[in-house]
Amino acid sequence: MRIERVEAFHCDAGWRPWTFVKVETDDGLVGWGECSDSRNPYGIAGSVRDLTDLLIGEDPRAVERLYWDMLRTLRQNLGGTSHKAIAGIELALWDIKAKALGVPVYELFGGPMRDRVGLYWSHCGTTRARHAEQLGLPPLRTYDDVIALGREVVERGFSALKTNVVIPGNPARTYFPGFGRGPNSTDGVVTQETLEQIEALIAAFSEGVGPKVQIALDLNYNFRPAGVVDIGRRLERFNMQWIEYDTWDPAALLQIKLEWLSQAHHIGQMADAYELTVAPHNYYSHLADLHAVHLCATLPNVQPARAASDG
């Protein structure tokens, strides 16, 4: 069996693209992987093309060796766009190997540890604040609407939700200076007004979901570590599952003591050695959900995985 073709595809997902990798073999087997990033989809597709010549004619079942061949080819670009492309290709190779053997992918990693995976509602409120009309969903004009959304979380059977900094209104809005642009948007300082808005949001969700559903808050790159600490202290009275924060500084993460997320099997095993749990993180298509489910099936230390229930 040899690789004949490697392609990257962009799929219109409404307000963002999804990026898929298709690997075809000379005996008709096809593998699919996902490596979506709505902010640089063309860079990822270009990196997939950069790796194509390396892959054509190779046995797709030699997944680990091909991973290292790709890694060494792009070694001067550790992380980022190039490694997202590697991930999409690698996932497609595992898909082919599992199909060739007639087994699910999780069997290639020692078999399942579980027969079900819990889910939390990701971007709960965020998607409605941005795209309620487009999706035909109720708008979030007031905190009473947030309470009602919390009740919907319970009714749909989720054990947890995750939201971002959502500010109800007509229209509702989200607070994402970490991904913003323009003047006066780079300070990363949490103001008293923002603290009050975050507290009001979490209070409304708490009232809606009751005591048995946990709440996670994703702060992304929006604040400096000192601001994240202030937010965490403000939210101590709520049933928080975690506060999620993106930073390149491991010392800052140690100071803040946030829950760490992982998508990789070996990192999950390493976390288990330190009695830590992992929760797969997917903001893109249902194919990536399935990738995450197979990962969860093979790990002994999993928290609920995320599902974007509103789209």
Protein backbone atom coordinates (compact mmCIF):
# COMPACT_ATOMS: atom_id res chain seq x y z
CA MET A 1 0.00 0.00 0.00
CA ARG A 2 1.37 3.41 -1.01
CA ILE A 3 0.20 7.01 -0.72
CA GLU A 4 -0.97 8.38 -4.07
CA ARG A 5 -2.46 11.77 -3.22
CA VAL A 6 -2.58 14.25 -0.32
CA GLU A 7 -5.02 17.16 -0.43
CA ALA A 8 -6.27 19.88 1.89
CA PHE A 9 -9.86 21.12 1.63
CA HIS A 10 -11.61 24.18 3.04
CA CYS A 11 -15.26 23.76 3.98
CA ASP A 12 -17.67 26.67 4.52
CA ALA A 13 -18.94 26.36 8.12
CA GLY A 14 -21.08 29.50 8.02
CA TRP A 15 -18.96 32.18 9.66
CA ARG A 16 -15.60 30.36 9.49
CA PRO A 17 -13.81 27.70 7.40
CA TRP A 18 -12.94 24.17 8.45
CA THR A 19 -9.82 22.53 7.02
CA PHE A 20 -9.65 18.82 6.22
CA VAL A 21 -6.84 16.61 4.93
CA LYS A 22 -7.57 13.71 2.57
CA VAL A 23 -4.92 11.03 2.00
CA GLU A 24 -5.56 8.52 -0.80
CA THR A 25 -3.75 5.21 -1.37
CA ASP A 26 -3.10 3.08 -4.44
CA ASP A 27 -5.45 0.33 -3.19
CA GLY A 28 -8.43 2.64 -2.73
CA LEU A 29 -8.29 3.32 1.02
CA VAL A 30 -8.87 6.96 2.01
CA GLY A 31 -8.02 8.62 5.31
CA TRP A 32 -9.40 11.88 6.66
CA GLY A 33 -8.00 14.26 9.25
CA GLU A 34 -8.91 17.74 10.44
CA CYS A 35 -6.59 20.66 11.20
CA SER A 36 -8.93 23.65 11.22
CA ASP A 37 -7.90 27.13 12.28
CA SER A 38 -10.24 29.83 11.07
CA ARG A 39 -7.57 32.53 11.41
CA ASN A 40 -4.98 31.03 9.05
CA PRO A 41 -6.60 28.31 6.92
CA TYR A 42 -4.55 29.07 3.80
CA GLY A 43 -1.30 28.80 5.73
CA ILE A 44 -2.28 25.35 6.99
CA ALA A 45 -3.31 24.17 3.52
CA GLY A 46 -0.02 25.50 2.17
CA SER A 47 1.92 23.56 4.79
CA VAL A 48 0.05 20.40 3.79
CA ARG A 49 1.15 21.01 0.19
CA ASP A 50 4.73 21.56 1.37
CA LEU A 51 4.71 18.04 2.86
CA THR A 52 3.07 16.25 -0.07
CA ASP A 53 6.27 15.29 -1.94
CA LEU A 54 7.64 13.74 1.24
CA LEU A 55 4.57 11.50 1.55
CA ILE A 56 3.82 10.37 -1.99
CA GLY A 57 4.93 6.76 -2.53
CA GLU A 58 5.30 6.01 1.18
CA ASP A 59 3.48 3.30 3.12
CA PRO A 60 0.77 5.22 5.07
CA ARG A 61 0.78 2.59 7.82
CA ALA A 62 4.24 3.71 9.01
CA VAL A 63 2.56 6.52 10.91
CA GLU A 64 5.22 7.15 13.54
CA ARG A 65 8.10 7.26 11.05
CA LEU A 66 6.19 9.55 8.71
CA TYR A 67 5.37 11.81 11.66
CA TRP A 68 9.07 12.14 12.41
CA ASP A 69 9.90 12.69 8.75
CA MET A 70 7.39 15.57 8.65
CA LEU A 71 8.61 16.93 11.98
CA ARG A 72 12.22 16.98 10.86
CA THR A 73 11.27 18.62 7.56
CA LEU A 74 9.58 21.47 9.41
CA ARG A 75 11.84 21.47 12.46
CA GLN A 76 12.77 25.13 12.09
CA ASN A 77 9.08 26.03 12.52
CA LEU A 78 8.27 24.36 15.82
CA GLY A 79 4.57 24.58 16.60
CA GLY A 80 2.05 26.82 14.92
CA THR A 81 0.70 26.48 11.40
CA SER A 82 3.13 23.84 10.17
CA HIS A 83 2.41 21.50 13.07
CA LYS A 84 -1.32 21.85 12.60
CA ALA A 85 -0.76 20.58 9.08
CA ILE A 86 1.27 17.65 10.43
CA ALA A 87 -1.56 16.84 12.82
CA GLY A 88 -4.16 16.78 10.05
CA ILE A 89 -2.01 14.46 7.95
CA GLU A 90 -1.16 12.20 10.89
CA LEU A 91 -4.85 11.80 11.77
CA ALA A 92 -5.57 10.78 8.19
CA LEU A 93 -2.75 8.21 8.33
CA TRP A 94 -4.16 6.67 11.52
CA ASP A 95 -7.54 6.53 9.78
CA ILE A 96 -6.02 4.58 6.89
CA LYS A 97 -4.13 2.19 9.16
CA ALA A 98 -7.26 1.43 11.19
CA LYS A 99 -9.30 0.85 8.03
CA ALA A 100 -6.59 -1.45 6.63
CA LEU A 101 -6.73 -3.54 9.82
CA GLY A 102 -10.52 -3.40 10.08
CA VAL A 103 -10.50 -1.87 13.57
CA PRO A 104 -11.39 1.49 15.16
CA VAL A 105 -8.49 3.90 15.68
CA TYR A 106 -8.69 3.53 19.47
CA GLU A 107 -7.67 -0.14 19.10
CA LEU A 108 -4.29 1.06 17.80
CA PHE A 109 -3.65 2.74 21.16
CA GLY A 110 -4.38 -0.23 23.40
CA GLY A 111 -8.14 -0.41 23.16
CA PRO A 112 -10.91 1.45 24.98
CA MET A 113 -10.79 2.42 28.64
CA ARG A 114 -14.44 3.51 28.51
CA ASP A 115 -17.58 3.02 26.43
CA ARG A 116 -18.92 6.56 26.77
CA VAL A 117 -17.51 10.08 26.97
CA GLY A 118 -19.15 12.93 28.84
CA LEU A 119 -19.66 16.25 27.04
CA TYR A 120 -19.87 19.83 28.14
CA TRP A 121 -21.59 22.59 26.15
CA SER A 122 -18.81 24.70 24.71
CA HIS A 123 -19.13 28.39 23.76
CA CYS A 124 -22.43 28.40 25.61
CA GLY A 125 -23.81 31.88 25.07
CA THR A 126 -20.86 32.94 22.93
CA THR A 127 -22.28 31.55 19.70
CA ARG A 128 -25.72 33.02 20.40
CA ALA A 129 -24.25 36.43 21.19
CA ARG A 130 -22.53 36.44 17.82
CA HIS A 131 -24.79 34.42 15.50
CA ALA A 132 -28.24 33.96 17.08
CA GLU A 133 -30.11 35.38 14.11
CA GLN A 134 -28.08 33.39 11.59
CA LEU A 135 -28.74 30.16 13.52
CA GLY A 136 -32.37 30.93 14.35
CA LEU A 137 -31.70 30.81 18.11
CA PRO A 138 -33.01 33.02 20.94
CA PRO A 139 -30.94 36.20 21.39
CA LEU A 140 -29.25 37.10 24.67
CA ARG A 141 -30.68 40.55 25.35
CA THR A 142 -30.71 40.34 29.16
CA TYR A 143 -29.26 38.26 31.98
CA ASP A 144 -32.69 36.61 32.23
CA ASP A 145 -31.96 35.19 28.76
CA VAL A 146 -28.69 33.80 30.12
CA ILE A 147 -30.59 32.18 32.99
CA ALA A 148 -32.95 30.60 30.45
CA LEU A 149 -29.96 29.31 28.47
CA GLY A 150 -28.60 27.76 31.66
CA ARG A 151 -31.89 25.91 32.11
CA GLU A 152 -31.61 24.69 28.52
CA VAL A 153 -28.18 23.25 29.34
CA VAL A 154 -29.77 21.18 32.11
CA GLU A 155 -32.72 20.12 29.97
CA ARG A 156 -30.37 18.86 27.25
CA GLY A 157 -28.46 16.70 29.71
CA PHE A 158 -25.08 18.42 29.91
CA SER A 159 -23.11 18.14 33.14
CA ALA A 160 -21.10 21.30 32.48
CA LEU A 161 -20.89 24.33 30.21
CA LYS A 162 -18.14 26.63 29.07
CA THR A 163 -18.62 30.23 28.11
CA ASN A 164 -16.54 33.28 27.23
CA VAL A 165 -16.95 36.91 28.29
CA VAL A 166 -20.49 37.46 26.99
CA ILE A 167 -22.31 40.74 27.57
CA PRO A 168 -26.09 40.59 26.96
CA GLY A 169 -27.71 43.46 25.10
CA ASN A 170 -29.48 44.43 21.91
CA PRO A 171 -27.34 43.25 20.28
CA ALA A 172 -25.37 41.05 22.66
CA ARG A 173 -21.61 41.18 22.33
CA THR A 174 -18.49 39.30 23.33
CA TYR A 175 -15.25 40.65 24.78
CA PHE A 176 -12.19 39.38 22.87
CA PRO A 177 -9.43 42.03 22.86
CA GLY A 178 -6.85 39.22 22.78
CA PHE A 179 -7.98 38.53 19.21
CA GLY A 180 -8.82 42.15 18.43
CA ARG A 181 -7.26 44.95 16.45
CA GLY A 182 -6.91 48.71 16.50
CA PRO A 183 -5.80 51.22 19.14
CA ASN A 184 -6.38 50.95 22.90
CA SER A 185 -6.89 47.18 22.74
CA THR A 186 -3.59 45.60 23.83
CA ASP A 187 -3.29 46.38 27.54
CA GLY A 188 -4.86 43.17 28.88
CA VAL A 189 -6.08 44.98 32.00
CA VAL A 190 -9.33 43.86 33.59
CA THR A 191 -11.41 46.89 34.56
CA GLN A 192 -13.95 47.06 37.34
CA GLU A 193 -16.71 47.20 34.74
CA THR A 194 -15.44 44.01 33.07
CA LEU A 195 -15.15 42.26 36.44
CA GLU A 196 -18.77 43.12 37.19
CA GLN A 197 -19.91 41.93 33.75
CA ILE A 198 -18.11 38.61 34.17
CA GLU A 199 -19.53 38.12 37.67
CA ALA A 200 -23.04 38.92 36.46
CA LEU A 201 -22.69 36.44 33.58
CA ILE A 202 -21.51 33.59 35.80
CA ALA A 203 -24.18 34.43 38.39
CA ALA A 204 -26.88 34.21 35.73
CA PHE A 205 -25.60 30.90 34.41
CA SER A 206 -25.35 29.59 37.98
CA GLU A 207 -28.96 30.48 38.65
CA GLY A 208 -30.03 28.76 35.45
CA VAL A 209 -28.09 25.51 35.80
CA GLY A 210 -28.42 25.04 39.55
CA PRO A 211 -25.91 23.33 41.87
CA LYS A 212 -25.21 20.15 39.87
CA VAL A 213 -23.85 21.62 36.62
CA GLN A 214 -20.36 23.11 36.62
CA ILE A 215 -19.32 26.24 34.73
CA ALA A 216 -16.06 26.87 32.89
CA LEU A 217 -14.93 30.29 31.69
CA ASP A 218 -12.53 30.71 28.77
CA LEU A 219 -10.58 33.97 29.02
CA ASN A 220 -8.41 33.24 25.95
CA TYR A 221 -5.64 35.85 25.51
CA ASN A 222 -7.75 38.71 26.79
CA PHE A 223 -5.97 39.56 30.06
CA ARG A 224 -2.57 39.64 31.71
CA PRO A 225 -2.00 37.06 34.50
CA ALA A 226 -2.77 39.57 37.27
CA GLY A 227 -6.20 40.21 35.75
CA VAL A 228 -6.90 36.48 35.51
CA VAL A 229 -6.12 36.12 39.20
CA ASP A 230 -8.55 38.96 39.98
CA ILE A 231 -11.26 37.26 37.95
CA GLY A 232 -10.61 33.92 39.64
CA ARG A 233 -10.97 35.46 43.08
CA ARG A 234 -14.19 37.15 42.03
CA LEU A 235 -15.65 33.82 40.92
CA GLU A 236 -14.60 31.67 43.89
CA ARG A 237 -18.16 31.53 45.22
CA PHE A 238 -19.47 29.79 42.09
CA ASN A 239 -19.34 26.10 41.10
CA MET A 240 -16.54 26.60 38.58
CA GLN A 241 -15.12 23.65 36.66
CA TRP A 242 -12.13 25.69 35.53
CA ILE A 243 -10.96 29.05 34.26
CA GLU A 244 -9.18 28.65 30.94
CA TYR A 245 -6.40 31.04 29.97
CA ASP A 246 -3.96 31.16 27.06
CA THR A 247 -0.42 32.31 27.73
CA TRP A 248 3.09 31.42 26.60
CA ASP A 249 4.45 31.78 30.14
CA PRO A 250 4.45 28.51 32.13
CA ALA A 251 5.40 30.38 35.30
CA ALA A 252 2.26 32.49 34.94
CA LEU A 253 0.16 29.35 34.53
CA LEU A 254 1.74 27.92 37.68
CA GLN A 255 0.84 31.10 39.54
CA ILE A 256 -2.74 31.05 38.31
CA LYS A 257 -3.13 27.28 38.82
CA LEU A 258 -5.55 26.68 35.98
CA GLU A 259 -6.73 23.34 34.67
CA TRP A 260 -4.59 22.23 31.75
CA LEU A 261 -6.06 20.78 28.55
CA SER A 262 -4.49 18.31 26.18
CA GLN A 263 -5.30 16.75 22.84
CA ALA A 264 -2.36 14.36 22.60
CA HIS A 265 -2.33 10.77 23.82
CA HIS A 266 1.22 10.88 25.20
CA ILE A 267 0.55 14.15 27.04
CA GLY A 268 -2.57 12.57 28.50
CA GLN A 269 -0.49 9.66 29.77
CA MET A 270 2.07 12.05 31.20
CA ALA A 271 -0.73 13.94 32.97
CA ASP A 272 -1.96 10.67 34.43
CA ALA A 273 1.47 10.04 35.95
CA TYR A 274 0.95 13.26 37.93
CA GLU A 275 -2.68 12.45 38.85
CA LEU A 276 -4.04 15.09 36.48
CA THR A 277 -7.05 14.85 34.20
CA VAL A 278 -7.33 16.05 30.60
CA ALA A 279 -10.25 17.40 28.55
CA PRO A 280 -10.06 17.48 24.73
CA HIS A 281 -10.56 20.89 23.19
CA ASN A 282 -12.38 21.21 19.87
CA TYR A 283 -13.83 24.37 18.38
CA TYR A 284 -14.32 22.98 14.90
CA SER A 285 -16.15 20.20 13.03
CA HIS A 286 -17.70 16.93 14.13
CA LEU A 287 -14.77 15.07 12.58
CA ALA A 288 -12.55 16.69 15.20
CA ASP A 289 -15.12 15.61 17.81
CA LEU A 290 -14.62 12.02 16.65
CA HIS A 291 -10.83 12.42 16.82
CA ALA A 292 -11.27 13.56 20.42
CA VAL A 293 -13.62 10.70 21.29
CA HIS A 294 -11.06 8.13 20.12
CA LEU A 295 -8.41 9.87 22.23
CA CYS A 296 -10.71 9.86 25.26
CA ALA A 297 -11.45 6.17 24.75
CA THR A 298 -7.79 5.29 25.31
CA LEU A 299 -6.97 7.49 28.33
CA PRO A 300 -7.66 6.70 31.99
CA ASN A 301 -7.89 10.31 33.17
CA VAL A 302 -10.56 12.16 31.18
CA GLN A 303 -12.89 15.01 32.10
CA PRO A 304 -15.90 15.79 29.90
CA ALA A 305 -14.95 16.64 26.33
CA ARG A 306 -16.30 19.75 24.68
CA ALA A 307 -19.13 19.94 22.16
CA ALA A 308 -20.23 23.14 20.44
CA SER A 309 -23.97 22.56 20.81
CA ASP A 310 -25.08 25.69 18.97
CA GLY A 311 -22.84 25.10 15.95
